[in-house]
Amino acid sequence: LAATAAFEAVRPLPEAARDLLTAHGAAAR
């Protein structure tokens, strides 16, 4: 259970990476 729960901390990172890149594109404009 601890191993499974540990991934809750990193599960949002892929979406955060996409949002960050989208924000960078808007900031560049």
mmCIF file of all heavy atoms, coordinates in Angstrom:
data_MODEL
# 
_entry.id   MODEL 
# 
loop_
_atom_site.group_PDB 
_atom_site.id 
_atom_site.type_symbol 
_atom_site.label_atom_id 
_atom_site.label_alt_id 
_atom_site.label_comp_id 
_atom_site.label_asym_id 
_atom_site.label_entity_id 
_atom_site.label_seq_id 
_atom_site.pdbx_PDB_ins_code 
_atom_site.Cartn_x 
_atom_site.Cartn_y 
_atom_site.Cartn_z 
_atom_site.occupancy 
_atom_site.B_iso_or_equiv 
_atom_site.pdbx_formal_charge 
_atom_site.auth_seq_id 
_atom_site.auth_comp_id 
_atom_site.auth_asym_id 
_atom_site.auth_atom_id 
_atom_site.pdbx_PDB_model_num 
ATOM 1   N N   . LEU A 1 1  ? 0.820  -1.216 0.000   1.00 0.00 ? 1  LEU A N   1 
ATOM 2   C CA  . LEU A 1 1  ? 0.000  0.000  0.000   1.00 0.00 ? 1  LEU A CA  1 
ATOM 3   C C   . LEU A 1 1  ? 0.856  1.269  0.000   1.00 0.00 ? 1  LEU A C   1 
ATOM 4   O O   . LEU A 1 1  ? 0.522  2.273  -0.631  1.00 0.00 ? 1  LEU A O   1 
ATOM 5   C CB  . LEU A 1 1  ? -0.936 -0.008 1.198   1.00 0.00 ? 1  LEU A CB  1 
ATOM 6   C CG  . LEU A 1 1  ? -2.060 -1.062 1.152   1.00 0.00 ? 1  LEU A CG  1 
ATOM 7   C CD1 . LEU A 1 1  ? -2.812 -1.085 2.473   1.00 0.00 ? 1  LEU A CD1 1 
ATOM 8   C CD2 . LEU A 1 1  ? -3.012 -0.776 -0.007  1.00 0.00 ? 1  LEU A CD2 1 
ATOM 9   N N   . ALA A 1 2  ? 1.972  1.213  0.722   1.00 0.00 ? 2  ALA A N   1 
ATOM 10  C CA  . ALA A 1 2  ? 2.869  2.380  0.767   1.00 0.00 ? 2  ALA A CA  1 
ATOM 11  C C   . ALA A 1 2  ? 3.458  2.663  -0.607  1.00 0.00 ? 2  ALA A C   1 
ATOM 12  O O   . ALA A 1 2  ? 3.590  3.819  -1.030  1.00 0.00 ? 2  ALA A O   1 
ATOM 13  C CB  . ALA A 1 2  ? 3.969  2.150  1.790   1.00 0.00 ? 2  ALA A CB  1 
ATOM 14  N N   . ALA A 1 3  ? 3.832  1.577  -1.324  1.00 0.00 ? 3  ALA A N   1 
ATOM 15  C CA  . ALA A 1 3  ? 4.382  1.760  -2.668  1.00 0.00 ? 3  ALA A CA  1 
ATOM 16  C C   . ALA A 1 3  ? 3.344  2.393  -3.594  1.00 0.00 ? 3  ALA A C   1 
ATOM 17  O O   . ALA A 1 3  ? 3.642  3.296  -4.390  1.00 0.00 ? 3  ALA A O   1 
ATOM 18  C CB  . ALA A 1 3  ? 4.849  0.426  -3.226  1.00 0.00 ? 3  ALA A CB  1 
ATOM 19  N N   . THR A 1 4  ? 2.096  1.896  -3.495  1.00 0.00 ? 4  THR A N   1 
ATOM 20  C CA  . THR A 1 4  ? 1.028  2.462  -4.337  1.00 0.00 ? 4  THR A CA  1 
ATOM 21  C C   . THR A 1 4  ? 0.765  3.921  -3.979  1.00 0.00 ? 4  THR A C   1 
ATOM 22  O O   . THR A 1 4  ? 0.616  4.787  -4.850  1.00 0.00 ? 4  THR A O   1 
ATOM 23  C CB  . THR A 1 4  ? -0.255 1.641  -4.159  1.00 0.00 ? 4  THR A CB  1 
ATOM 24  O OG1 . THR A 1 4  ? 0.002  0.274  -4.489  1.00 0.00 ? 4  THR A OG1 1 
ATOM 25  C CG2 . THR A 1 4  ? -1.358 2.172  -5.053  1.00 0.00 ? 4  THR A CG2 1 
ATOM 26  N N   . ALA A 1 5  ? 0.718  4.217  -2.672  1.00 0.00 ? 5  ALA A N   1 
ATOM 27  C CA  . ALA A 1 5  ? 0.439  5.590  -2.234  1.00 0.00 ? 5  ALA A CA  1 
ATOM 28  C C   . ALA A 1 5  ? 1.542  6.562  -2.633  1.00 0.00 ? 5  ALA A C   1 
ATOM 29  O O   . ALA A 1 5  ? 1.286  7.755  -2.871  1.00 0.00 ? 5  ALA A O   1 
ATOM 30  C CB  . ALA A 1 5  ? 0.235  5.624  -0.723  1.00 0.00 ? 5  ALA A CB  1 
ATOM 31  N N   . ALA A 1 6  ? 2.780  6.058  -2.721  1.00 0.00 ? 6  ALA A N   1 
ATOM 32  C CA  . ALA A 1 6  ? 3.896  6.944  -3.068  1.00 0.00 ? 6  ALA A CA  1 
ATOM 33  C C   . ALA A 1 6  ? 3.699  7.576  -4.439  1.00 0.00 ? 6  ALA A C   1 
ATOM 34  O O   . ALA A 1 6  ? 4.150  8.703  -4.689  1.00 0.00 ? 6  ALA A O   1 
ATOM 35  C CB  . ALA A 1 6  ? 5.205  6.177  -3.017  1.00 0.00 ? 6  ALA A CB  1 
ATOM 36  N N   . PHE A 1 7  ? 3.019  6.870  -5.328  1.00 0.00 ? 7  PHE A N   1 
ATOM 37  C CA  . PHE A 1 7  ? 2.821  7.401  -6.679  1.00 0.00 ? 7  PHE A CA  1 
ATOM 38  C C   . PHE A 1 7  ? 1.780  8.511  -6.733  1.00 0.00 ? 7  PHE A C   1 
ATOM 39  O O   . PHE A 1 7  ? 1.668  9.194  -7.749  1.00 0.00 ? 7  PHE A O   1 
ATOM 40  C CB  . PHE A 1 7  ? 2.440  6.259  -7.629  1.00 0.00 ? 7  PHE A CB  1 
ATOM 41  C CG  . PHE A 1 7  ? 3.634  5.536  -8.184  1.00 0.00 ? 7  PHE A CG  1 
ATOM 42  C CD1 . PHE A 1 7  ? 4.217  4.509  -7.471  1.00 0.00 ? 7  PHE A CD1 1 
ATOM 43  C CD2 . PHE A 1 7  ? 4.197  5.911  -9.390  1.00 0.00 ? 7  PHE A CD2 1 
ATOM 44  C CE1 . PHE A 1 7  ? 5.327  3.853  -7.958  1.00 0.00 ? 7  PHE A CE1 1 
ATOM 45  C CE2 . PHE A 1 7  ? 5.313  5.253  -9.891  1.00 0.00 ? 7  PHE A CE2 1 
ATOM 46  C CZ  . PHE A 1 7  ? 5.883  4.220  -9.169  1.00 0.00 ? 7  PHE A CZ  1 
ATOM 47  N N   . GLU A 1 8  ? 0.996  8.672  -5.665  1.00 0.00 ? 8  GLU A N   1 
ATOM 48  C CA  . GLU A 1 8  ? 0.040  9.781  -5.661  1.00 0.00 ? 8  GLU A CA  1 
ATOM 49  C C   . GLU A 1 8  ? 0.747  11.127 -5.737  1.00 0.00 ? 8  GLU A C   1 
ATOM 50  O O   . GLU A 1 8  ? 0.194  12.109 -6.226  1.00 0.00 ? 8  GLU A O   1 
ATOM 51  C CB  . GLU A 1 8  ? -0.834 9.699  -4.403  1.00 0.00 ? 8  GLU A CB  1 
ATOM 52  C CG  . GLU A 1 8  ? -1.737 8.485  -4.343  1.00 0.00 ? 8  GLU A CG  1 
ATOM 53  C CD  . GLU A 1 8  ? -2.695 8.418  -5.516  1.00 0.00 ? 8  GLU A CD  1 
ATOM 54  O OE1 . GLU A 1 8  ? -3.231 9.483  -5.902  1.00 0.00 ? 8  GLU A OE1 1 
ATOM 55  O OE2 . GLU A 1 8  ? -2.886 7.324  -6.070  1.00 0.00 ? 8  GLU A OE2 1 
ATOM 56  N N   . ALA A 1 9  ? 1.983  11.167 -5.261  1.00 0.00 ? 9  ALA A N   1 
ATOM 57  C CA  . ALA A 1 9  ? 2.734  12.424 -5.277  1.00 0.00 ? 9  ALA A CA  1 
ATOM 58  C C   . ALA A 1 9  ? 3.238  12.765 -6.679  1.00 0.00 ? 9  ALA A C   1 
ATOM 59  O O   . ALA A 1 9  ? 3.436  13.937 -7.010  1.00 0.00 ? 9  ALA A O   1 
ATOM 60  C CB  . ALA A 1 9  ? 3.907  12.356 -4.310  1.00 0.00 ? 9  ALA A CB  1 
ATOM 61  N N   . VAL A 1 10 ? 3.449  11.739 -7.519  1.00 0.00 ? 10 VAL A N   1 
ATOM 62  C CA  . VAL A 1 10 ? 4.014  12.002 -8.838  1.00 0.00 ? 10 VAL A CA  1 
ATOM 63  C C   . VAL A 1 10 ? 2.985  11.868 -9.955  1.00 0.00 ? 10 VAL A C   1 
ATOM 64  O O   . VAL A 1 10 ? 3.250  12.253 -11.092 1.00 0.00 ? 10 VAL A O   1 
ATOM 65  C CB  . VAL A 1 10 ? 5.197  11.051 -9.123  1.00 0.00 ? 10 VAL A CB  1 
ATOM 66  C CG1 . VAL A 1 10 ? 6.315  11.288 -8.124  1.00 0.00 ? 10 VAL A CG1 1 
ATOM 67  C CG2 . VAL A 1 10 ? 4.747  9.610  -9.095  1.00 0.00 ? 10 VAL A CG2 1 
ATOM 68  N N   . ARG A 1 11 ? 1.810  11.327 -9.637  1.00 0.00 ? 11 ARG A N   1 
ATOM 69  C CA  . ARG A 1 11 ? 0.804  11.140 -10.680 1.00 0.00 ? 11 ARG A CA  1 
ATOM 70  C C   . ARG A 1 11 ? 0.411  12.458 -11.373 1.00 0.00 ? 11 ARG A C   1 
ATOM 71  O O   . ARG A 1 11 ? 0.181  12.474 -12.585 1.00 0.00 ? 11 ARG A O   1 
ATOM 72  C CB  . ARG A 1 11 ? -0.436 10.463 -10.077 1.00 0.00 ? 11 ARG A CB  1 
ATOM 73  C CG  . ARG A 1 11 ? -1.463 10.015 -11.116 1.00 0.00 ? 11 ARG A CG  1 
ATOM 74  C CD  . ARG A 1 11 ? -2.612 9.259  -10.466 1.00 0.00 ? 11 ARG A CD  1 
ATOM 75  N NE  . ARG A 1 11 ? -2.155 7.999  -9.880  1.00 0.00 ? 11 ARG A NE  1 
ATOM 76  C CZ  . ARG A 1 11 ? -2.024 6.866  -10.576 1.00 0.00 ? 11 ARG A CZ  1 
ATOM 77  N NH1 . ARG A 1 11 ? -2.304 6.843  -11.867 1.00 0.00 ? 11 ARG A NH1 1 
ATOM 78  N NH2 . ARG A 1 11 ? -1.606 5.773  -9.983  1.00 0.00 ? 11 ARG A NH2 1 
ATOM 79  N N   . PRO A 1 12 ? 0.305  13.608 -10.660 1.00 0.00 ? 12 PRO A N   1 
ATOM 80  C CA  . PRO A 1 12 ? -0.066 14.854 -11.355 1.00 0.00 ? 12 PRO A CA  1 
ATOM 81  C C   . PRO A 1 12 ? 1.049  15.461 -12.206 1.00 0.00 ? 12 PRO A C   1 
ATOM 82  O O   . PRO A 1 12 ? 0.810  16.413 -12.940 1.00 0.00 ? 12 PRO A O   1 
ATOM 83  C CB  . PRO A 1 12 ? -0.424 15.806 -10.197 1.00 0.00 ? 12 PRO A CB  1 
ATOM 84  C CG  . PRO A 1 12 ? -0.589 14.952 -8.992  1.00 0.00 ? 12 PRO A CG  1 
ATOM 85  C CD  . PRO A 1 12 ? 0.335  13.797 -9.207  1.00 0.00 ? 12 PRO A CD  1 
ATOM 86  N N   . LEU A 1 13 ? 2.291  14.937 -12.106 1.00 0.00 ? 13 LEU A N   1 
ATOM 87  C CA  . LEU A 1 13 ? 3.419  15.592 -12.782 1.00 0.00 ? 13 LEU A CA  1 
ATOM 88  C C   . LEU A 1 13 ? 3.293  15.622 -14.306 1.00 0.00 ? 13 LEU A C   1 
ATOM 89  O O   . LEU A 1 13 ? 3.622  16.640 -14.922 1.00 0.00 ? 13 LEU A O   1 
ATOM 90  C CB  . LEU A 1 13 ? 4.730  14.935 -12.365 1.00 0.00 ? 13 LEU A CB  1 
ATOM 91  C CG  . LEU A 1 13 ? 5.134  15.157 -10.898 1.00 0.00 ? 13 LEU A CG  1 
ATOM 92  C CD1 . LEU A 1 13 ? 6.486  14.508 -10.609 1.00 0.00 ? 13 LEU A CD1 1 
ATOM 93  C CD2 . LEU A 1 13 ? 5.196  16.646 -10.577 1.00 0.00 ? 13 LEU A CD2 1 
ATOM 94  N N   . PRO A 1 14 ? 2.851  14.550 -14.976 1.00 0.00 ? 14 PRO A N   1 
ATOM 95  C CA  . PRO A 1 14 ? 2.717  14.651 -16.442 1.00 0.00 ? 14 PRO A CA  1 
ATOM 96  C C   . PRO A 1 14 ? 1.758  15.763 -16.869 1.00 0.00 ? 14 PRO A C   1 
ATOM 97  O O   . PRO A 1 14 ? 2.053  16.534 -17.796 1.00 0.00 ? 14 PRO A O   1 
ATOM 98  C CB  . PRO A 1 14 ? 2.186  13.266 -16.834 1.00 0.00 ? 14 PRO A CB  1 
ATOM 99  C CG  . PRO A 1 14 ? 2.658  12.363 -15.760 1.00 0.00 ? 14 PRO A CG  1 
ATOM 100 C CD  . PRO A 1 14 ? 2.607  13.174 -14.508 1.00 0.00 ? 14 PRO A CD  1 
ATOM 101 N N   . GLU A 1 15 ? 0.604  15.872 -16.196 1.00 0.00 ? 15 GLU A N   1 
ATOM 102 C CA  . GLU A 1 15 ? -0.340 16.942 -16.531 1.00 0.00 ? 15 GLU A CA  1 
ATOM 103 C C   . GLU A 1 15 ? 0.248  18.312 -16.215 1.00 0.00 ? 15 GLU A C   1 
ATOM 104 O O   . GLU A 1 15 ? 0.057  19.280 -16.974 1.00 0.00 ? 15 GLU A O   1 
ATOM 105 C CB  . GLU A 1 15 ? -1.640 16.749 -15.770 1.00 0.00 ? 15 GLU A CB  1 
ATOM 106 C CG  . GLU A 1 15 ? -2.711 17.755 -16.146 1.00 0.00 ? 15 GLU A CG  1 
ATOM 107 C CD  . GLU A 1 15 ? -4.028 17.515 -15.433 1.00 0.00 ? 15 GLU A CD  1 
ATOM 108 O OE1 . GLU A 1 15 ? -4.151 16.501 -14.717 1.00 0.00 ? 15 GLU A OE1 1 
ATOM 109 O OE2 . GLU A 1 15 ? -4.942 18.332 -15.603 1.00 0.00 ? 15 GLU A OE2 1 
ATOM 110 N N   . ALA A 1 16 ? 1.002  18.373 -15.098 1.00 0.00 ? 16 ALA A N   1 
ATOM 111 C CA  . ALA A 1 16 ? 1.642  19.643 -14.754 1.00 0.00 ? 16 ALA A CA  1 
ATOM 112 C C   . ALA A 1 16 ? 2.668  20.039 -15.810 1.00 0.00 ? 16 ALA A C   1 
ATOM 113 O O   . ALA A 1 16 ? 2.805  21.227 -16.147 1.00 0.00 ? 16 ALA A O   1 
ATOM 114 C CB  . ALA A 1 16 ? 2.306  19.532 -13.389 1.00 0.00 ? 16 ALA A CB  1 
ATOM 115 N N   . ALA A 1 17 ? 3.370  19.056 -16.359 1.00 0.00 ? 17 ALA A N   1 
ATOM 116 C CA  . ALA A 1 17 ? 4.352  19.351 -17.405 1.00 0.00 ? 17 ALA A CA  1 
ATOM 117 C C   . ALA A 1 17 ? 3.664  19.928 -18.637 1.00 0.00 ? 17 ALA A C   1 
ATOM 118 O O   . ALA A 1 17 ? 4.133  20.909 -19.238 1.00 0.00 ? 17 ALA A O   1 
ATOM 119 C CB  . ALA A 1 17 ? 5.121  18.086 -17.769 1.00 0.00 ? 17 ALA A CB  1 
ATOM 120 N N   . ARG A 1 18 ? 2.534  19.345 -19.024 1.00 0.00 ? 18 ARG A N   1 
ATOM 121 C CA  . ARG A 1 18 ? 1.800  19.864 -20.191 1.00 0.00 ? 18 ARG A CA  1 
ATOM 122 C C   . ARG A 1 18 ? 1.269  21.264 -19.914 1.00 0.00 ? 18 ARG A C   1 
ATOM 123 O O   . ARG A 1 18 ? 1.349  22.150 -20.775 1.00 0.00 ? 18 ARG A O   1 
ATOM 124 C CB  . ARG A 1 18 ? 0.641  18.923 -20.536 1.00 0.00 ? 18 ARG A CB  1 
ATOM 125 C CG  . ARG A 1 18 ? 1.086  17.550 -21.043 1.00 0.00 ? 18 ARG A CG  1 
ATOM 126 C CD  . ARG A 1 18 ? -0.060 16.824 -21.734 1.00 0.00 ? 18 ARG A CD  1 
ATOM 127 N NE  . ARG A 1 18 ? -1.240 16.740 -20.879 1.00 0.00 ? 18 ARG A NE  1 
ATOM 128 C CZ  . ARG A 1 18 ? -1.456 15.782 -19.984 1.00 0.00 ? 18 ARG A CZ  1 
ATOM 129 N NH1 . ARG A 1 18 ? -0.539 14.837 -19.805 1.00 0.00 ? 18 ARG A NH1 1 
ATOM 130 N NH2 . ARG A 1 18 ? -2.553 15.759 -19.266 1.00 0.00 ? 18 ARG A NH2 1 
ATOM 131 N N   . ASP A 1 19 ? 0.720  21.478 -18.706 1.00 0.00 ? 19 ASP A N   1 
ATOM 132 C CA  . ASP A 1 19 ? 0.203  22.814 -18.371 1.00 0.00 ? 19 ASP A CA  1 
ATOM 133 C C   . ASP A 1 19 ? 1.315  23.851 -18.362 1.00 0.00 ? 19 ASP A C   1 
ATOM 134 O O   . ASP A 1 19 ? 1.123  24.999 -18.781 1.00 0.00 ? 19 ASP A O   1 
ATOM 135 C CB  . ASP A 1 19 ? -0.498 22.773 -17.012 1.00 0.00 ? 19 ASP A CB  1 
ATOM 136 C CG  . ASP A 1 19 ? -1.804 22.001 -17.056 1.00 0.00 ? 19 ASP A CG  1 
ATOM 137 O OD1 . ASP A 1 19 ? -2.303 21.762 -18.174 1.00 0.00 ? 19 ASP A OD1 1 
ATOM 138 O OD2 . ASP A 1 19 ? -2.319 21.631 -15.978 1.00 0.00 ? 19 ASP A OD2 1 
ATOM 139 N N   . LEU A 1 20 ? 2.482  23.449 -17.862 1.00 0.00 ? 20 LEU A N   1 
ATOM 140 C CA  . LEU A 1 20 ? 3.615  24.374 -17.801 1.00 0.00 ? 20 LEU A CA  1 
ATOM 141 C C   . LEU A 1 20 ? 4.036  24.794 -19.201 1.00 0.00 ? 20 LEU A C   1 
ATOM 142 O O   . LEU A 1 20 ? 4.291  25.990 -19.463 1.00 0.00 ? 20 LEU A O   1 
ATOM 143 C CB  . LEU A 1 20 ? 4.784  23.732 -17.063 1.00 0.00 ? 20 LEU A CB  1 
ATOM 144 C CG  . LEU A 1 20 ? 6.057  24.584 -16.927 1.00 0.00 ? 20 LEU A CG  1 
ATOM 145 C CD1 . LEU A 1 20 ? 5.763  25.846 -16.116 1.00 0.00 ? 20 LEU A CD1 1 
ATOM 146 C CD2 . LEU A 1 20 ? 7.181  23.788 -16.280 1.00 0.00 ? 20 LEU A CD2 1 
ATOM 147 N N   . LEU A 1 21 ? 4.094  23.843 -20.120 1.00 0.00 ? 21 LEU A N   1 
ATOM 148 C CA  . LEU A 1 21 ? 4.489  24.163 -21.485 1.00 0.00 ? 21 LEU A CA  1 
ATOM 149 C C   . LEU A 1 21 ? 3.432  25.038 -22.167 1.00 0.00 ? 21 LEU A C   1 
ATOM 150 O O   . LEU A 1 21 ? 3.760  25.940 -22.937 1.00 0.00 ? 21 LEU A O   1 
ATOM 151 C CB  . LEU A 1 21 ? 4.706  22.880 -22.276 1.00 0.00 ? 21 LEU A CB  1 
ATOM 152 C CG  . LEU A 1 21 ? 5.952  22.082 -21.847 1.00 0.00 ? 21 LEU A CG  1 
ATOM 153 C CD1 . LEU A 1 21 ? 5.937  20.701 -22.471 1.00 0.00 ? 21 LEU A CD1 1 
ATOM 154 C CD2 . LEU A 1 21 ? 7.221  22.823 -22.248 1.00 0.00 ? 21 LEU A CD2 1 
ATOM 155 N N   . THR A 1 22 ? 2.164  24.770 -21.885 1.00 0.00 ? 22 THR A N   1 
ATOM 156 C CA  . THR A 1 22 ? 1.098  25.614 -22.435 1.00 0.00 ? 22 THR A CA  1 
ATOM 157 C C   . THR A 1 22 ? 1.215  27.041 -21.911 1.00 0.00 ? 22 THR A C   1 
ATOM 158 O O   . THR A 1 22 ? 1.063  28.018 -22.656 1.00 0.00 ? 22 THR A O   1 
ATOM 159 C CB  . THR A 1 22 ? -0.278 25.033 -22.073 1.00 0.00 ? 22 THR A CB  1 
ATOM 160 O OG1 . THR A 1 22 ? -0.386 23.716 -22.610 1.00 0.00 ? 22 THR A OG1 1 
ATOM 161 C CG2 . THR A 1 22 ? -1.394 25.894 -22.638 1.00 0.00 ? 22 THR A CG2 1 
ATOM 162 N N   . ALA A 1 23 ? 1.494  27.165 -20.612 1.00 0.00 ? 23 ALA A N   1 
ATOM 163 C CA  . ALA A 1 23 ? 1.673  28.494 -20.018 1.00 0.00 ? 23 ALA A CA  1 
ATOM 164 C C   . ALA A 1 23 ? 2.877  29.203 -20.619 1.00 0.00 ? 23 ALA A C   1 
ATOM 165 O O   . ALA A 1 23 ? 2.845  30.418 -20.854 1.00 0.00 ? 23 ALA A O   1 
ATOM 166 C CB  . ALA A 1 23 ? 1.826  28.377 -18.504 1.00 0.00 ? 23 ALA A CB  1 
ATOM 167 N N   . HIS A 1 24 ? 3.950  28.446 -20.906 1.00 0.00 ? 24 HIS A N   1 
ATOM 168 C CA  . HIS A 1 24 ? 5.125  29.058 -21.526 1.00 0.00 ? 24 HIS A CA  1 
ATOM 169 C C   . HIS A 1 24 ? 4.780  29.600 -22.910 1.00 0.00 ? 24 HIS A C   1 
ATOM 170 O O   . HIS A 1 24 ? 5.250  30.682 -23.303 1.00 0.00 ? 24 HIS A O   1 
ATOM 171 C CB  . HIS A 1 24 ? 6.249  28.022 -21.641 1.00 0.00 ? 24 HIS A CB  1 
ATOM 172 C CG  . HIS A 1 24 ? 7.010  27.854 -20.361 1.00 0.00 ? 24 HIS A CG  1 
ATOM 173 N ND1 . HIS A 1 24 ? 7.908  26.830 -20.151 1.00 0.00 ? 24 HIS A ND1 1 
ATOM 174 C CD2 . HIS A 1 24 ? 7.012  28.565 -19.211 1.00 0.00 ? 24 HIS A CD2 1 
ATOM 175 C CE1 . HIS A 1 24 ? 8.423  26.921 -18.944 1.00 0.00 ? 24 HIS A CE1 1 
ATOM 176 N NE2 . HIS A 1 24 ? 7.884  27.973 -18.349 1.00 0.00 ? 24 HIS A NE2 1 
ATOM 177 N N   . GLY A 1 25 ? 3.966  28.848 -23.649 1.00 0.00 ? 25 GLY A N   1 
ATOM 178 C CA  . GLY A 1 25 ? 3.567  29.330 -24.968 1.00 0.00 ? 25 GLY A CA  1 
ATOM 179 C C   . GLY A 1 25 ? 2.754  30.611 -24.886 1.00 0.00 ? 25 GLY A C   1 
ATOM 180 O O   . GLY A 1 25 ? 2.963  31.544 -25.665 1.00 0.00 ? 25 GLY A O   1 
ATOM 181 N N   . ALA A 1 26 ? 1.823  30.667 -23.926 1.00 0.00 ? 26 ALA A N   1 
ATOM 182 C CA  . ALA A 1 26 ? 1.029  31.884 -23.740 1.00 0.00 ? 26 ALA A CA  1 
ATOM 183 C C   . ALA A 1 26 ? 1.908  33.051 -23.296 1.00 0.00 ? 26 ALA A C   1 
ATOM 184 O O   . ALA A 1 26 ? 1.741  34.190 -23.749 1.00 0.00 ? 26 ALA A O   1 
ATOM 185 C CB  . ALA A 1 26 ? -0.080 31.634 -22.730 1.00 0.00 ? 26 ALA A CB  1 
ATOM 186 N N   . ALA A 1 27 ? 2.858  32.757 -22.404 1.00 0.00 ? 27 ALA A N   1 
ATOM 187 C CA  . ALA A 1 27 ? 3.757  33.813 -21.922 1.00 0.00 ? 27 ALA A CA  1 
ATOM 188 C C   . ALA A 1 27 ? 4.613  34.364 -23.055 1.00 0.00 ? 27 ALA A C   1 
ATOM 189 O O   . ALA A 1 27 ? 4.878  35.574 -23.126 1.00 0.00 ? 27 ALA A O   1 
ATOM 190 C CB  . ALA A 1 27 ? 4.641  33.273 -20.803 1.00 0.00 ? 27 ALA A CB  1 
ATOM 191 N N   . ALA A 1 28 ? 5.034  33.483 -23.970 1.00 0.00 ? 28 ALA A N   1 
ATOM 192 C CA  . ALA A 1 28 ? 5.845  33.948 -25.097 1.00 0.00 ? 28 ALA A CA  1 
ATOM 193 C C   . ALA A 1 28 ? 5.048  34.899 -25.981 1.00 0.00 ? 28 ALA A C   1 
ATOM 194 O O   . ALA A 1 28 ? 5.579  35.893 -26.487 1.00 0.00 ? 28 ALA A O   1 
ATOM 195 C CB  . ALA A 1 28 ? 6.337  32.749 -25.904 1.00 0.00 ? 28 ALA A CB  1 
ATOM 196 N N   . ARG A 1 29 ? 3.754  34.593 -26.167 1.00 0.00 ? 29 ARG A N   1 
ATOM 197 C CA  . ARG A 1 29 ? 2.919  35.484 -26.976 1.00 0.00 ? 29 ARG A CA  1 
ATOM 198 C C   . ARG A 1 29 ? 2.754  36.841 -26.293 1.00 0.00 ? 29 ARG A C   1 
ATOM 199 O O   . ARG A 1 29 ? 2.774  37.890 -26.939 1.00 0.00 ? 29 ARG A O   1 
ATOM 200 C CB  . ARG A 1 29 ? 1.550  34.843 -27.198 1.00 0.00 ? 29 ARG A CB  1 
ATOM 201 C CG  . ARG A 1 29 ? 1.577  33.687 -28.182 1.00 0.00 ? 29 ARG A CG  1 
ATOM 202 C CD  . ARG A 1 29 ? 0.261  32.942 -28.202 1.00 0.00 ? 29 ARG A CD  1 
ATOM 203 N NE  . ARG A 1 29 ? -0.877 33.812 -28.438 1.00 0.00 ? 29 ARG A NE  1 
ATOM 204 C CZ  . ARG A 1 29 ? -1.234 34.282 -29.628 1.00 0.00 ? 29 ARG A CZ  1 
ATOM 205 N NH1 . ARG A 1 29 ? -0.525 33.947 -30.693 1.00 0.00 ? 29 ARG A NH1 1 
ATOM 206 N NH2 . ARG A 1 29 ? -2.282 35.072 -29.768 1.00 0.00 ? 29 ARG A NH2 1 
# 
